[in-house]
Amino acid sequence: MMGKIVAVCISAAKGERKTPVAKVTLRENHGIVDDAHAGDWHRQISLLAKESIDKMRAMGLDVDNGDFAENLTTLGIDLPALPIGSRLQIGEVLLEVTQIGKECHTRCAIYHQAGDCVMPKEGIFARVLSGGEVTPGAQLEVLSGF
C-alpha cells in the first residue's frame, strides 16, 4: 500500500498546533528532533491523513496541515485501519504504529468550533525504529499490517 507525505510539522510546546516546515529529522527511539512530543515513549510521531483534515474543512472549519498537532500529514492511506504493529517506510525512515486514536481530555478549540474532531478517532501514533529526514512529497509505504 502506497501513499505520500503532504506536510511535516513541529511545535515547541505540547497542546498547540504544529507548524509545517520544509523537512524534519527523525531520530531512532526519540521522534522528531526539536518537536515537543519527541521522547522515549510510544507516541513519538503522530500522523493524520489529509482526507481527515478535508472532512473537517467540509464542516466549514478553516483548518490545514499541522492544525490537529500531527507531525506527518499523509495522503492515500487509511491510517486508522492499520493494525497496531504495522510498519511504515518513508525513505530510510522506518516507523511502527503503536496507537490508533487518542482520548481527548480537554476538548480542543476545533472540537468546540465543530462539535467534533478527527484526531482522537483517525490520528495514529508511531515510534521511530530507524531515523532519517522526511520532506513533503516523500513516498509512504505500508510494509506490513494490512
N, C-alpha and C. Protein backbone atom coordinates (compact mmCIF):
# COMPACT_ATOMS: atom_id res chain seq x y z
N MET A 1 0.85 -1.16 0.00
CA MET A 1 0.00 0.00 0.00
C MET A 1 0.90 1.24 0.00
N MET A 2 0.64 2.17 -0.93
CA MET A 2 1.49 3.36 -1.07
C MET A 2 0.67 4.63 -0.88
N GLY A 3 1.32 5.61 -0.30
CA GLY A 3 0.74 6.94 -0.16
C GLY A 3 1.89 7.94 -0.21
N LYS A 4 1.62 9.15 0.27
CA LYS A 4 2.70 10.12 0.32
C LYS A 4 2.54 11.04 1.51
N ILE A 5 3.63 11.72 1.83
CA ILE A 5 3.66 12.72 2.90
C ILE A 5 3.30 14.06 2.27
N VAL A 6 2.27 14.70 2.81
CA VAL A 6 1.83 16.00 2.30
C VAL A 6 2.53 17.14 3.04
N ALA A 7 2.71 16.97 4.36
CA ALA A 7 3.34 18.00 5.16
C ALA A 7 4.07 17.37 6.34
N VAL A 8 5.13 18.06 6.81
CA VAL A 8 5.85 17.67 8.02
C VAL A 8 5.78 18.88 8.95
N CYS A 9 5.41 18.63 10.23
CA CYS A 9 5.09 19.72 11.14
C CYS A 9 5.70 19.49 12.52
N ILE A 10 6.07 20.59 13.19
CA ILE A 10 6.61 20.53 14.54
C ILE A 10 6.02 21.65 15.39
N SER A 11 6.15 21.49 16.71
CA SER A 11 5.79 22.56 17.64
C SER A 11 6.78 22.57 18.79
N ALA A 12 6.94 23.74 19.40
CA ALA A 12 7.87 23.89 20.52
C ALA A 12 7.26 23.41 21.83
N ALA A 13 5.91 23.40 21.91
CA ALA A 13 5.23 23.01 23.15
C ALA A 13 4.09 22.06 22.85
N LYS A 14 3.75 21.23 23.83
CA LYS A 14 2.60 20.34 23.69
C LYS A 14 1.32 21.16 23.81
N GLY A 15 0.24 20.65 23.22
CA GLY A 15 -1.05 21.30 23.34
C GLY A 15 -1.25 22.47 22.39
N GLU A 16 -0.41 22.58 21.37
CA GLU A 16 -0.60 23.65 20.39
C GLU A 16 -0.53 23.09 18.98
N ARG A 17 -1.07 23.87 18.05
CA ARG A 17 -0.99 23.48 16.64
C ARG A 17 0.47 23.42 16.23
N LYS A 18 0.75 22.56 15.27
CA LYS A 18 2.12 22.44 14.78
C LYS A 18 2.28 23.26 13.51
N THR A 19 3.51 23.66 13.25
CA THR A 19 3.82 24.48 12.09
C THR A 19 4.47 23.64 11.01
N PRO A 20 3.96 23.70 9.77
CA PRO A 20 4.63 22.99 8.67
C PRO A 20 6.03 23.57 8.42
N VAL A 21 6.97 22.67 8.17
CA VAL A 21 8.36 23.05 7.90
C VAL A 21 8.82 22.33 6.63
N ALA A 22 9.98 22.72 6.11
CA ALA A 22 10.49 22.16 4.85
C ALA A 22 10.96 20.72 4.99
N LYS A 23 11.48 20.35 6.19
CA LYS A 23 11.92 18.98 6.43
C LYS A 23 12.03 18.76 7.92
N VAL A 24 11.96 17.49 8.31
CA VAL A 24 12.18 17.11 9.71
C VAL A 24 13.20 15.98 9.76
N THR A 25 13.88 15.89 10.89
CA THR A 25 14.82 14.81 11.12
C THR A 25 14.25 13.93 12.22
N LEU A 26 14.08 12.65 11.91
CA LEU A 26 13.58 11.69 12.88
C LEU A 26 14.76 10.93 13.46
N ARG A 27 14.75 10.79 14.79
CA ARG A 27 15.82 10.07 15.48
C ARG A 27 15.24 8.78 16.06
N GLU A 28 15.96 7.70 15.89
CA GLU A 28 15.56 6.38 16.40
C GLU A 28 15.24 6.45 17.89
N ASN A 29 14.12 5.83 18.28
CA ASN A 29 13.66 5.77 19.67
C ASN A 29 13.50 7.15 20.32
N HIS A 30 13.24 8.16 19.51
CA HIS A 30 13.08 9.52 20.03
C HIS A 30 11.90 10.26 19.39
N GLY A 31 11.86 10.30 18.06
CA GLY A 31 10.85 11.07 17.36
C GLY A 31 11.50 12.14 16.51
N ILE A 32 10.79 13.26 16.34
CA ILE A 32 11.31 14.35 15.51
C ILE A 32 12.16 15.27 16.36
N VAL A 33 13.37 15.53 15.90
CA VAL A 33 14.28 16.45 16.58
C VAL A 33 13.60 17.82 16.65
N ASP A 34 13.62 18.43 17.83
CA ASP A 34 13.05 19.75 18.11
C ASP A 34 11.52 19.79 18.15
N ASP A 35 10.86 18.62 18.27
CA ASP A 35 9.41 18.61 18.43
C ASP A 35 9.06 18.32 19.89
N ALA A 36 8.04 18.98 20.39
CA ALA A 36 7.64 18.86 21.79
C ALA A 36 7.22 17.45 22.19
N HIS A 37 6.72 16.66 21.25
CA HIS A 37 6.22 15.33 21.59
C HIS A 37 7.27 14.23 21.51
N ALA A 38 8.47 14.58 21.10
CA ALA A 38 9.54 13.58 20.99
C ALA A 38 9.95 13.10 22.37
N GLY A 39 10.45 11.88 22.43
CA GLY A 39 10.93 11.34 23.69
C GLY A 39 10.86 9.84 23.69
N ASP A 40 11.26 9.24 24.79
CA ASP A 40 11.31 7.79 24.91
C ASP A 40 9.96 7.26 25.38
N TRP A 41 9.00 7.24 24.45
CA TRP A 41 7.66 6.72 24.76
C TRP A 41 7.04 6.19 23.48
N HIS A 42 5.79 5.72 23.54
CA HIS A 42 5.19 5.05 22.40
C HIS A 42 4.55 6.01 21.39
N ARG A 43 4.41 7.30 21.72
CA ARG A 43 3.80 8.26 20.80
C ARG A 43 4.82 9.29 20.33
N GLN A 44 5.91 8.80 19.71
CA GLN A 44 6.99 9.67 19.26
C GLN A 44 6.60 10.51 18.05
N ILE A 45 5.76 9.95 17.19
CA ILE A 45 5.33 10.60 15.95
C ILE A 45 3.81 10.47 15.84
N SER A 46 3.14 11.56 15.41
CA SER A 46 1.70 11.46 15.14
C SER A 46 1.47 11.67 13.65
N LEU A 47 0.51 10.91 13.12
CA LEU A 47 0.17 11.00 11.71
C LEU A 47 -1.34 11.20 11.57
N LEU A 48 -1.73 12.02 10.62
CA LEU A 48 -3.14 12.24 10.30
C LEU A 48 -3.26 12.38 8.79
N ALA A 49 -4.28 11.77 8.22
CA ALA A 49 -4.48 11.82 6.78
C ALA A 49 -5.09 13.15 6.33
N LYS A 50 -4.64 13.64 5.20
CA LYS A 50 -5.22 14.83 4.58
C LYS A 50 -6.72 14.63 4.38
N GLU A 51 -7.11 13.40 4.09
CA GLU A 51 -8.53 13.09 3.91
C GLU A 51 -9.33 13.40 5.19
N SER A 52 -8.72 13.18 6.35
CA SER A 52 -9.37 13.50 7.63
C SER A 52 -9.49 15.01 7.82
N ILE A 53 -8.45 15.74 7.47
CA ILE A 53 -8.49 17.20 7.56
C ILE A 53 -9.57 17.74 6.63
N ASP A 54 -9.67 17.15 5.44
CA ASP A 54 -10.68 17.59 4.47
C ASP A 54 -12.11 17.39 5.00
N LYS A 55 -12.32 16.35 5.82
CA LYS A 55 -13.64 16.16 6.45
C LYS A 55 -14.01 17.35 7.31
N MET A 56 -13.05 17.85 8.07
CA MET A 56 -13.29 18.99 8.95
C MET A 56 -13.47 20.27 8.14
N ARG A 57 -12.76 20.40 7.05
CA ARG A 57 -12.93 21.56 6.16
C ARG A 57 -14.33 21.55 5.56
N ALA A 58 -14.83 20.36 5.24
CA ALA A 58 -16.19 20.23 4.68
C ALA A 58 -17.25 20.66 5.69
N MET A 59 -16.90 20.62 6.98
CA MET A 59 -17.81 21.08 8.04
C MET A 59 -17.73 22.59 8.23
N GLY A 60 -16.90 23.25 7.41
CA GLY A 60 -16.80 24.69 7.46
C GLY A 60 -15.64 25.24 8.26
N LEU A 61 -14.77 24.38 8.76
CA LEU A 61 -13.64 24.85 9.55
C LEU A 61 -12.47 25.27 8.66
N ASP A 62 -11.79 26.31 9.07
CA ASP A 62 -10.60 26.78 8.38
C ASP A 62 -9.39 26.11 9.03
N VAL A 63 -9.11 24.87 8.63
CA VAL A 63 -8.01 24.09 9.19
C VAL A 63 -7.11 23.60 8.08
N ASP A 64 -5.87 23.33 8.46
CA ASP A 64 -4.90 22.88 7.47
C ASP A 64 -3.89 21.95 8.13
N ASN A 65 -2.84 21.61 7.41
CA ASN A 65 -1.80 20.71 7.90
C ASN A 65 -1.19 21.26 9.19
N GLY A 66 -1.08 20.39 10.20
CA GLY A 66 -0.49 20.77 11.48
C GLY A 66 -1.50 21.27 12.50
N ASP A 67 -2.69 21.66 12.06
CA ASP A 67 -3.68 22.24 12.98
C ASP A 67 -4.23 21.23 13.98
N PHE A 68 -4.06 19.95 13.72
CA PHE A 68 -4.51 18.90 14.64
C PHE A 68 -3.34 18.36 15.46
N ALA A 69 -2.23 19.08 15.44
CA ALA A 69 -0.99 18.74 16.16
C ALA A 69 -0.35 17.46 15.62
N GLU A 70 -0.63 17.15 14.35
CA GLU A 70 0.02 15.98 13.75
C GLU A 70 1.39 16.36 13.21
N ASN A 71 2.34 15.41 13.33
CA ASN A 71 3.68 15.63 12.79
C ASN A 71 3.73 15.39 11.28
N LEU A 72 3.07 14.33 10.84
CA LEU A 72 3.10 13.97 9.43
C LEU A 72 1.68 13.93 8.89
N THR A 73 1.41 14.73 7.87
CA THR A 73 0.13 14.69 7.19
C THR A 73 0.32 13.82 5.96
N THR A 74 -0.54 12.81 5.81
CA THR A 74 -0.38 11.82 4.75
C THR A 74 -1.52 11.93 3.73
N LEU A 75 -1.37 11.25 2.62
CA LEU A 75 -2.41 11.17 1.60
C LEU A 75 -2.39 9.77 1.00
N GLY A 76 -3.57 9.17 0.87
CA GLY A 76 -3.67 7.92 0.14
C GLY A 76 -3.66 6.65 0.96
N ILE A 77 -3.58 6.75 2.29
CA ILE A 77 -3.60 5.55 3.13
C ILE A 77 -4.64 5.74 4.23
N ASP A 78 -5.45 4.71 4.45
CA ASP A 78 -6.47 4.73 5.51
C ASP A 78 -5.76 4.44 6.83
N LEU A 79 -5.22 5.47 7.45
CA LEU A 79 -4.39 5.29 8.64
C LEU A 79 -5.09 4.56 9.79
N PRO A 80 -6.34 4.95 10.17
CA PRO A 80 -6.94 4.26 11.32
C PRO A 80 -7.27 2.79 11.07
N ALA A 81 -7.21 2.36 9.82
CA ALA A 81 -7.46 0.94 9.52
C ALA A 81 -6.22 0.08 9.71
N LEU A 82 -5.06 0.71 9.90
CA LEU A 82 -3.82 -0.05 10.09
C LEU A 82 -3.79 -0.66 11.48
N PRO A 83 -3.44 -1.93 11.59
CA PRO A 83 -3.33 -2.54 12.92
C PRO A 83 -2.09 -2.06 13.67
N ILE A 84 -2.17 -2.10 14.99
CA ILE A 84 -1.01 -1.84 15.83
C ILE A 84 0.11 -2.79 15.38
N GLY A 85 1.32 -2.28 15.30
CA GLY A 85 2.45 -3.09 14.86
C GLY A 85 2.77 -2.93 13.38
N SER A 86 1.89 -2.27 12.62
CA SER A 86 2.17 -2.03 11.20
C SER A 86 3.48 -1.25 11.06
N ARG A 87 4.21 -1.55 10.01
CA ARG A 87 5.47 -0.86 9.74
C ARG A 87 5.28 0.07 8.54
N LEU A 88 5.77 1.30 8.68
CA LEU A 88 5.66 2.31 7.63
C LEU A 88 7.06 2.76 7.24
N GLN A 89 7.33 2.79 5.93
CA GLN A 89 8.64 3.18 5.40
C GLN A 89 8.50 4.52 4.68
N ILE A 90 9.36 5.47 5.03
CA ILE A 90 9.43 6.76 4.36
C ILE A 90 10.90 6.98 4.05
N GLY A 91 11.34 6.64 2.85
CA GLY A 91 12.77 6.70 2.54
C GLY A 91 13.53 5.78 3.46
N GLU A 92 14.51 6.31 4.19
CA GLU A 92 15.29 5.49 5.12
C GLU A 92 14.62 5.36 6.48
N VAL A 93 13.56 6.12 6.71
CA VAL A 93 12.85 6.11 8.00
C VAL A 93 11.92 4.91 8.08
N LEU A 94 11.93 4.24 9.23
CA LEU A 94 11.03 3.13 9.49
C LEU A 94 10.27 3.41 10.78
N LEU A 95 8.93 3.39 10.69
CA LEU A 95 8.07 3.63 11.84
C LEU A 95 7.28 2.38 12.17
N GLU A 96 6.87 2.24 13.43
CA GLU A 96 5.99 1.16 13.86
C GLU A 96 4.77 1.80 14.54
N VAL A 97 3.58 1.46 14.04
CA VAL A 97 2.35 2.00 14.59
C VAL A 97 2.14 1.44 16.00
N THR A 98 1.93 2.33 16.97
CA THR A 98 1.80 1.93 18.37
C THR A 98 0.42 2.24 18.96
N GLN A 99 -0.33 3.14 18.33
CA GLN A 99 -1.63 3.52 18.87
C GLN A 99 -2.49 4.10 17.76
N ILE A 100 -3.79 3.76 17.78
CA ILE A 100 -4.77 4.33 16.85
C ILE A 100 -5.69 5.22 17.67
N GLY A 101 -5.75 6.49 17.31
CA GLY A 101 -6.60 7.42 18.04
C GLY A 101 -6.05 7.74 19.42
N LYS A 102 -6.75 8.63 20.11
CA LYS A 102 -6.34 9.00 21.47
C LYS A 102 -7.53 9.61 22.18
N GLU A 103 -7.48 9.57 23.49
CA GLU A 103 -8.52 10.22 24.27
C GLU A 103 -8.24 11.71 24.32
N CYS A 104 -9.26 12.51 24.08
CA CYS A 104 -9.11 13.96 24.11
C CYS A 104 -9.72 14.45 25.42
N HIS A 105 -8.87 14.72 26.40
CA HIS A 105 -9.34 15.09 27.74
C HIS A 105 -9.89 16.51 27.82
N THR A 106 -9.29 17.43 27.07
CA THR A 106 -9.62 18.84 27.26
C THR A 106 -10.51 19.43 26.18
N ARG A 107 -10.87 18.67 25.17
CA ARG A 107 -11.70 19.18 24.08
C ARG A 107 -11.06 20.43 23.48
N CYS A 108 -10.30 20.23 22.44
CA CYS A 108 -9.55 21.30 21.79
C CYS A 108 -10.47 22.35 21.17
N ALA A 109 -9.86 23.43 20.69
CA ALA A 109 -10.62 24.52 20.06
C ALA A 109 -11.39 24.02 18.84
N ILE A 110 -10.83 23.09 18.12
CA ILE A 110 -11.51 22.55 16.94
C ILE A 110 -12.80 21.84 17.35
N TYR A 111 -12.74 21.06 18.41
CA TYR A 111 -13.94 20.37 18.90
C TYR A 111 -15.01 21.39 19.29
N HIS A 112 -14.61 22.44 19.96
CA HIS A 112 -15.58 23.45 20.40
C HIS A 112 -16.20 24.19 19.22
N GLN A 113 -15.46 24.35 18.13
CA GLN A 113 -15.98 25.02 16.94
C GLN A 113 -16.95 24.14 16.18
N ALA A 114 -16.59 22.85 16.04
CA ALA A 114 -17.35 21.97 15.15
C ALA A 114 -18.19 20.93 15.88
N GLY A 115 -17.96 20.75 17.17
CA GLY A 115 -18.65 19.69 17.90
C GLY A 115 -18.06 18.33 17.63
N ASP A 116 -16.92 18.29 16.96
CA ASP A 116 -16.25 17.04 16.63
C ASP A 116 -14.80 17.34 16.30
N CYS A 117 -13.96 16.32 16.32
CA CYS A 117 -12.56 16.45 15.92
C CYS A 117 -12.10 15.09 15.42
N VAL A 118 -11.33 15.09 14.34
CA VAL A 118 -10.89 13.82 13.74
C VAL A 118 -9.69 13.19 14.42
N MET A 119 -8.85 13.98 15.07
CA MET A 119 -7.60 13.43 15.62
C MET A 119 -7.85 12.30 16.64
N PRO A 120 -8.79 12.42 17.59
CA PRO A 120 -8.97 11.33 18.54
C PRO A 120 -9.40 10.00 17.91
N LYS A 121 -10.05 10.04 16.76
CA LYS A 121 -10.53 8.82 16.12
C LYS A 121 -9.65 8.37 14.95
N GLU A 122 -9.07 9.32 14.23
CA GLU A 122 -8.41 9.00 12.97
C GLU A 122 -6.91 9.24 12.96
N GLY A 123 -6.38 9.90 13.98
CA GLY A 123 -4.95 10.09 14.07
C GLY A 123 -4.29 8.81 14.57
N ILE A 124 -3.07 8.57 14.15
CA ILE A 124 -2.34 7.40 14.64
C ILE A 124 -0.98 7.85 15.18
N PHE A 125 -0.37 6.98 15.96
CA PHE A 125 0.90 7.29 16.59
C PHE A 125 1.88 6.16 16.32
N ALA A 126 3.17 6.52 16.27
CA ALA A 126 4.20 5.54 15.95
C ALA A 126 5.48 5.86 16.70
N ARG A 127 6.32 4.84 16.79
CA ARG A 127 7.66 5.06 17.32
C ARG A 127 8.64 4.90 16.16
N VAL A 128 9.79 5.52 16.29
CA VAL A 128 10.80 5.53 15.23
C VAL A 128 11.75 4.36 15.42
N LEU A 129 11.76 3.44 14.46
CA LEU A 129 12.68 2.30 14.50
C LEU A 129 14.00 2.62 13.82
N SER A 130 13.94 3.42 12.73
CA SER A 130 15.14 3.88 12.02
C SER A 130 14.92 5.33 11.64
N GLY A 131 15.90 6.17 11.92
CA GLY A 131 15.75 7.60 11.69
C GLY A 131 16.17 8.03 10.30
N GLY A 132 16.04 9.34 10.08
CA GLY A 132 16.42 9.97 8.82
C GLY A 132 15.61 11.22 8.60
N GLU A 133 15.70 11.79 7.41
CA GLU A 133 14.97 13.01 7.08
C GLU A 133 13.70 12.68 6.30
N VAL A 134 12.67 13.50 6.54
CA VAL A 134 11.41 13.37 5.81
C VAL A 134 11.01 14.76 5.32
N THR A 135 10.61 14.83 4.07
CA THR A 135 10.15 16.08 3.46
C THR A 135 8.78 15.87 2.83
N PRO A 136 8.02 16.95 2.65
CA PRO A 136 6.76 16.82 1.92
C PRO A 136 7.02 16.25 0.53
N GLY A 137 6.10 15.40 0.08
CA GLY A 137 6.23 14.76 -1.22
C GLY A 137 6.87 13.38 -1.16
N ALA A 138 7.44 13.02 -0.01
CA ALA A 138 8.09 11.70 0.14
C ALA A 138 7.05 10.59 0.02
N GLN A 139 7.47 9.47 -0.54
CA GLN A 139 6.63 8.28 -0.63
C GLN A 139 6.49 7.64 0.74
N LEU A 140 5.29 7.16 1.03
CA LEU A 140 4.99 6.46 2.27
C LEU A 140 4.48 5.06 1.90
N GLU A 141 5.14 4.04 2.40
CA GLU A 141 4.76 2.67 2.07
C GLU A 141 4.41 1.90 3.34
N VAL A 142 3.28 1.22 3.32
CA VAL A 142 2.92 0.32 4.40
C VAL A 142 3.58 -1.01 4.08
N LEU A 143 4.52 -1.45 4.95
CA LEU A 143 5.25 -2.68 4.71
C LEU A 143 4.53 -3.91 5.23
N SER A 144 3.79 -3.74 6.33
CA SER A 144 3.09 -4.88 6.91
C SER A 144 1.92 -4.37 7.74
N GLY A 145 1.00 -5.27 8.03
CA GLY A 145 -0.08 -4.95 8.94
C GLY A 145 -1.43 -4.74 8.31
N PHE A 146 -1.56 -4.90 6.99
CA PHE A 146 -2.87 -4.68 6.38
C PHE A 146 -3.44 -5.96 5.82
